[in-house]
C-alpha atoms as a PDB file:
ATOM      1  CA  MET A   1     -17.929 -14.574   2.911  1.00  0.00           C
ATOM      2  CA  LEU A   2     -20.022 -16.740   0.755  1.00  0.00           C
ATOM      3  CA  GLY A   3     -22.864 -16.531   3.179  1.00  0.00           C
ATOM      4  CA  ALA A   4     -23.194 -12.689   2.770  1.00  0.00           C
ATOM      5  CA  GLU A   5     -21.619 -12.517  -0.640  1.00  0.00           C
ATOM      6  CA  PRO A   6     -24.732 -13.050  -2.840  1.00  0.00           C
ATOM      7  CA  GLU A   7     -26.712 -10.288  -1.133  1.00  0.00           C
ATOM      8  CA  ILE A   8     -23.608  -7.898  -1.279  1.00  0.00           C
ATOM      9  CA  VAL A   9     -23.168  -8.637  -5.012  1.00  0.00           C
ATOM     10  CA  ALA A  10     -26.920  -8.159  -5.718  1.00  0.00           C
ATOM     11  CA  ASN A  11     -27.413  -5.175  -3.657  1.00  0.00           C
ATOM     12  CA  HIS A  12     -24.218  -3.175  -4.046  1.00  0.00           C
ATOM     13  CA  VAL A  13     -21.775  -4.692  -6.555  1.00  0.00           C
ATOM     14  CA  LEU A  14     -24.222  -4.941  -9.482  1.00  0.00           C
ATOM     15  CA  THR A  15     -25.575  -1.424  -8.685  1.00  0.00           C
ATOM     16  CA  GLY A  16     -22.067  -0.006  -9.008  1.00  0.00           C
ATOM     17  CA  GLN A  17     -21.869   1.063  -5.369  1.00  0.00           C
ATOM     18  CA  VAL A  18     -19.213  -1.428  -4.364  1.00  0.00           C
ATOM     19  CA  LYS A  19     -16.233  -3.044  -5.983  1.00  0.00           C
ATOM     20  CA  LEU A  20     -15.378  -6.500  -4.700  1.00  0.00           C
ATOM     21  CA  VAL A  21     -11.651  -7.179  -4.478  1.00  0.00           C
ATOM     22  CA  TYR A  22     -10.071 -10.478  -3.457  1.00  0.00           C
ATOM     23  CA  TRP A  23      -6.675 -10.718  -1.701  1.00  0.00           C
ATOM     24  CA  PRO A  24      -5.224 -14.127  -1.468  1.00  0.00           C
ATOM     25  CA  MET A  25      -3.982 -15.646   1.889  1.00  0.00           C
ATOM     26  CA  LEU A  26      -1.274 -17.963   1.218  1.00  0.00           C
ATOM     27  CA  ASP A  27      -0.802 -19.426   4.779  1.00  0.00           C
ATOM     28  CA  LEU A  28      -2.460 -22.778   4.779  1.00  0.00           C
ATOM     29  CA  GLY A  29       0.323 -24.741   2.950  1.00  0.00           C
ATOM     30  CA  PRO A  30       1.164 -25.117  -0.702  1.00  0.00           C
ATOM     31  CA  ASN A  31      -2.482 -25.654  -1.794  1.00  0.00           C
ATOM     32  CA  SER A  32      -3.215 -22.101  -0.628  1.00  0.00           C
ATOM     33  CA  GLU A  33      -1.157 -20.912  -3.457  1.00  0.00           C
ATOM     34  CA  ASN A  34      -2.414 -23.624  -5.739  1.00  0.00           C
ATOM     35  CA  ALA A  35      -6.013 -22.659  -5.221  1.00  0.00           C
ATOM     36  CA  ALA A  36      -5.382 -19.008  -5.490  1.00  0.00           C
ATOM     37  CA  ALA A  37      -3.411 -19.590  -8.748  1.00  0.00           C
ATOM     38  CA  ALA A  38      -6.394 -21.679 -10.109  1.00  0.00           C
ATOM     39  CA  ALA A  39      -8.862 -18.946  -9.295  1.00  0.00           C
ATOM     40  CA  PHE A  40      -6.556 -15.964 -10.581  1.00  0.00           C
ATOM     41  CA  CYS A  41      -5.589 -18.005 -13.862  1.00  0.00           C
ATOM     42  CA  ALA A  42      -9.179 -18.608 -14.574  1.00  0.00           C
ATOM     43  CA  GLY A  43      -9.912 -14.953 -14.009  1.00  0.00           C
ATOM     44  CA  GLU A  44      -7.316 -14.035 -16.501  1.00  0.00           C
ATOM     45  CA  GLN A  45      -9.638 -15.584 -19.140  1.00  0.00           C
ATOM     46  CA  ASP A  46     -12.824 -14.009 -17.791  1.00  0.00           C
ATOM     47  CA  PRO A  47     -13.496 -12.302 -14.352  1.00  0.00           C
ATOM     48  CA  ALA A  48     -16.633 -14.337 -13.898  1.00  0.00           C
ATOM     49  CA  LEU A  49     -14.440 -17.420 -14.015  1.00  0.00           C
ATOM     50  CA  PHE A  50     -12.331 -16.164 -11.084  1.00  0.00           C
ATOM     51  CA  TRP A  51     -15.402 -16.254  -8.880  1.00  0.00           C
ATOM     52  CA  ALA A  52     -16.748 -19.528 -10.355  1.00  0.00           C
ATOM     53  CA  VAL A  53     -13.408 -21.257  -9.659  1.00  0.00           C
ATOM     54  CA  HIS A  54     -13.026 -19.693  -6.325  1.00  0.00           C
ATOM     55  CA  HIS A  55     -16.600 -20.681  -5.274  1.00  0.00           C
ATOM     56  CA  ALA A  56     -16.025 -24.247  -6.544  1.00  0.00           C
ATOM     57  CA  LEU A  57     -12.825 -24.511  -4.540  1.00  0.00           C
ATOM     58  CA  PHE A  58     -14.422 -22.959  -1.448  1.00  0.00           C
ATOM     59  CA  GLU A  59     -17.310 -25.408  -1.474  1.00  0.00           C
ATOM     60  CA  ASP A  60     -14.886 -28.476  -1.818  1.00  0.00           C
ATOM     61  CA  GLN A  61     -12.349 -27.414   0.679  1.00  0.00           C
ATOM     62  CA  ARG A  62     -11.780 -30.793   1.914  1.00  0.00           C
ATOM     63  CA  SER A  63     -10.485 -32.014  -1.417  1.00  0.00           C
ATOM     64  CA  VAL A  64      -8.340 -28.790  -1.846  1.00  0.00           C
ATOM     65  CA  TYR A  65      -6.157 -29.554   1.074  1.00  0.00           C
ATOM     66  CA  LEU A  66      -4.774 -32.807  -0.453  1.00  0.00           C
ATOM     67  CA  ALA A  67      -5.293 -32.020  -4.097  1.00  0.00           C
ATOM     68  CA  GLN A  68      -2.791 -32.450  -6.836  1.00  0.00           C
ATOM     69  CA  ARG A  69      -2.243 -30.370  -9.935  1.00  0.00           C
ATOM     70  CA  ASP A  70      -4.899 -32.042 -12.024  1.00  0.00           C
ATOM     71  CA  TYR A  71      -7.637 -31.284  -9.433  1.00  0.00           C
ATOM     72  CA  PHE A  72      -7.078 -27.498  -9.982  1.00  0.00           C
ATOM     73  CA  ILE A  73      -7.019 -27.902 -13.656  1.00  0.00           C
ATOM     74  CA  ASP A  74     -10.104 -30.138 -13.760  1.00  0.00           C
ATOM     75  CA  THR A  75     -11.999 -27.603 -11.502  1.00  0.00           C
ATOM     76  CA  ALA A  76     -11.072 -24.679 -13.659  1.00  0.00           C
ATOM     77  CA  VAL A  77     -12.022 -26.489 -16.845  1.00  0.00           C
ATOM     78  CA  ALA A  78     -15.413 -27.683 -15.374  1.00  0.00           C
ATOM     79  CA  GLN A  79     -16.179 -24.106 -14.653  1.00  0.00           C
ATOM     80  CA  GLY A  80     -15.507 -23.101 -18.361  1.00  0.00           C
ATOM     81  CA  ALA A  81     -11.778 -22.172 -18.454  1.00  0.00           C
ATOM     82  CA  ASP A  82      -9.818 -22.894 -21.542  1.00  0.00           C
ATOM     83  CA  GLY A  83      -7.567 -25.831 -20.495  1.00  0.00           C
ATOM     84  CA  HIS A  84      -4.464 -25.029 -22.563  1.00  0.00           C
ATOM     85  CA  ALA A  85      -4.402 -21.238 -21.462  1.00  0.00           C
ATOM     86  CA  PHE A  86      -5.191 -22.241 -18.036  1.00  0.00           C
ATOM     87  CA  GLU A  87      -2.417 -24.687 -17.671  1.00  0.00           C
ATOM     88  CA  ALA A  88       0.113 -22.250 -19.275  1.00  0.00           C
ATOM     89  CA  CYS A  89      -0.811 -19.673 -16.451  1.00  0.00           C
ATOM     90  CA  TYR A  90      -1.029 -22.117 -13.716  1.00  0.00           C
ATOM     91  CA  ASP A  91       2.319 -23.711 -14.395  1.00  0.00           C
ATOM     92  CA  GLY A  92       4.051 -20.402 -15.107  1.00  0.00           C
ATOM     93  CA  ASP A  93       6.030 -18.282 -12.779  1.00  0.00           C
ATOM     94  CA  GLU A  94       4.249 -14.973 -13.554  1.00  0.00           C
ATOM     95  CA  MET A  95       1.026 -15.673 -11.501  1.00  0.00           C
ATOM     96  CA  ARG A  96       2.979 -17.238  -8.618  1.00  0.00           C
ATOM     97  CA  THR A  97       5.044 -14.082  -8.422  1.00  0.00           C
ATOM     98  CA  LEU A  98       1.969 -11.914  -8.431  1.00  0.00           C
ATOM     99  CA  LEU A  99       0.253 -13.978  -5.730  1.00  0.00           C
ATOM    100  CA  ALA A 100       3.315 -13.767  -3.462  1.00  0.00           C
ATOM    101  CA  GLU A 101       3.393  -9.980  -3.931  1.00  0.00           C
ATOM    102  CA  LEU A 102      -0.385  -9.625  -3.133  1.00  0.00           C
ATOM    103  CA  ASP A 103       0.094 -11.948  -0.015  1.00  0.00           C
ATOM    104  CA  ALA A 104       3.070  -9.791   1.123  1.00  0.00           C
ATOM    105  CA  THR A 105       1.022  -6.555   0.675  1.00  0.00           C
ATOM    106  CA  ARG A 106      -1.798  -8.172   2.641  1.00  0.00           C
ATOM    107  CA  ARG A 107       0.427  -9.095   5.525  1.00  0.00           C
ATOM    108  CA  ASP A 108       2.231  -5.757   5.541  1.00  0.00           C
ATOM    109  CA  SER A 109      -1.151  -4.143   5.825  1.00  0.00           C
ATOM    110  CA  GLY A 110      -1.679  -6.122   9.206  1.00  0.00           C
ATOM    111  CA  VAL A 111      -4.285  -8.486   7.784  1.00  0.00           C
ATOM    112  CA  THR A 112      -3.633 -11.811   9.368  1.00  0.00           C
ATOM    113  CA  GLN A 113      -7.139 -13.280  10.203  1.00  0.00           C
ATOM    114  CA  ARG A 114      -9.431 -14.892   7.726  1.00  0.00           C
ATOM    115  CA  PRO A 115     -11.808 -13.610   6.642  1.00  0.00           C
ATOM    116  CA  THR A 116     -10.934  -9.919   6.985  1.00  0.00           C
ATOM    117  CA  PHE A 117     -12.993  -7.397   4.971  1.00  0.00           C
ATOM    118  CA  ASP A 118     -11.714  -3.901   4.377  1.00  0.00           C
ATOM    119  CA  LEU A 119     -14.468  -1.356   3.352  1.00  0.00           C
ATOM    120  CA  ASN A 120     -12.489   1.801   2.625  1.00  0.00           C
ATOM    121  CA  GLY A 121     -10.249   1.478   5.642  1.00  0.00           C
ATOM    122  CA  GLN A 122     -12.903  -0.020   8.063  1.00  0.00           C
ATOM    123  CA  ARG A 123     -12.124  -3.582   8.769  1.00  0.00           C
ATOM    124  CA  ILE A 124     -14.766  -6.309   9.547  1.00  0.00           C
ATOM    125  CA  LEU A 125     -13.302  -9.492  11.034  1.00  0.00           C
ATOM    126  CA  GLY A 126     -14.720 -12.862  10.717  1.00  0.00           C
ATOM    127  CA  SER A 127     -17.804 -14.181   9.067  1.00  0.00           C
ATOM    128  CA  GLN A 128     -20.601 -11.682   9.388  1.00  0.00           C
ATOM    129  CA  PRO A 129     -24.224 -11.502   8.298  1.00  0.00           C
ATOM    130  CA  TYR A 130     -25.112  -9.355   5.305  1.00  0.00           C
ATOM    131  CA  GLU A 131     -26.754  -6.639   7.670  1.00  0.00           C
ATOM    132  CA  THR A 132     -23.135  -5.873   9.068  1.00  0.00           C
ATOM    133  CA  PHE A 133     -21.812  -5.160   5.692  1.00  0.00           C
ATOM    134  CA  ALA A 134     -24.886  -3.224   4.633  1.00  0.00           C
ATOM    135  CA  GLU A 135     -24.636  -0.927   7.641  1.00  0.00           C
ATOM    136  CA  VAL A 136     -21.035  -0.133   6.952  1.00  0.00           C
ATOM    137  CA  ILE A 137     -21.698   0.308   3.184  1.00  0.00           C
ATOM    138  CA  ALA A 138     -24.609   2.593   3.932  1.00  0.00           C
ATOM    139  CA  ILE A 139     -22.535   4.942   6.122  1.00  0.00           C
ATOM    140  CA  GLN A 140     -19.777   5.197   3.487  1.00  0.00           C
ATOM    141  CA  LEU A 141     -22.001   5.838   0.485  1.00  0.00           C
ATOM    142  CA  PRO A 142     -22.419   9.600  -0.380  1.00  0.00           C
END
């Protein structure tokens, strides 16, 4: 989604028309969960940190697949997260339980492909240009 995301954020999220919600997909091995935990734990400190860590991990996917714990901590801290608070969240069970629940909810709703976008019940599958999202958003706005 990073391709269309900046335009969606600028044209629809920042104007209050759209709320962007991220649901984790924990289906590419243990580092799927670790990457999601890194983003969500950073987001506990500041919602903007969620997106900063998410984007940093997305841009460095090759490293993510083989990464160890310190990689995720270093990435979050580099984006501005407080290291001690981040580590407490990242190493704890609470966030891991939440991520498992969100992943189960996603699976139960039938979302099995990445990326999948749900705009008030209308699903868009796969990476799409901004115009595809803009059309669906325009139809759904009052």
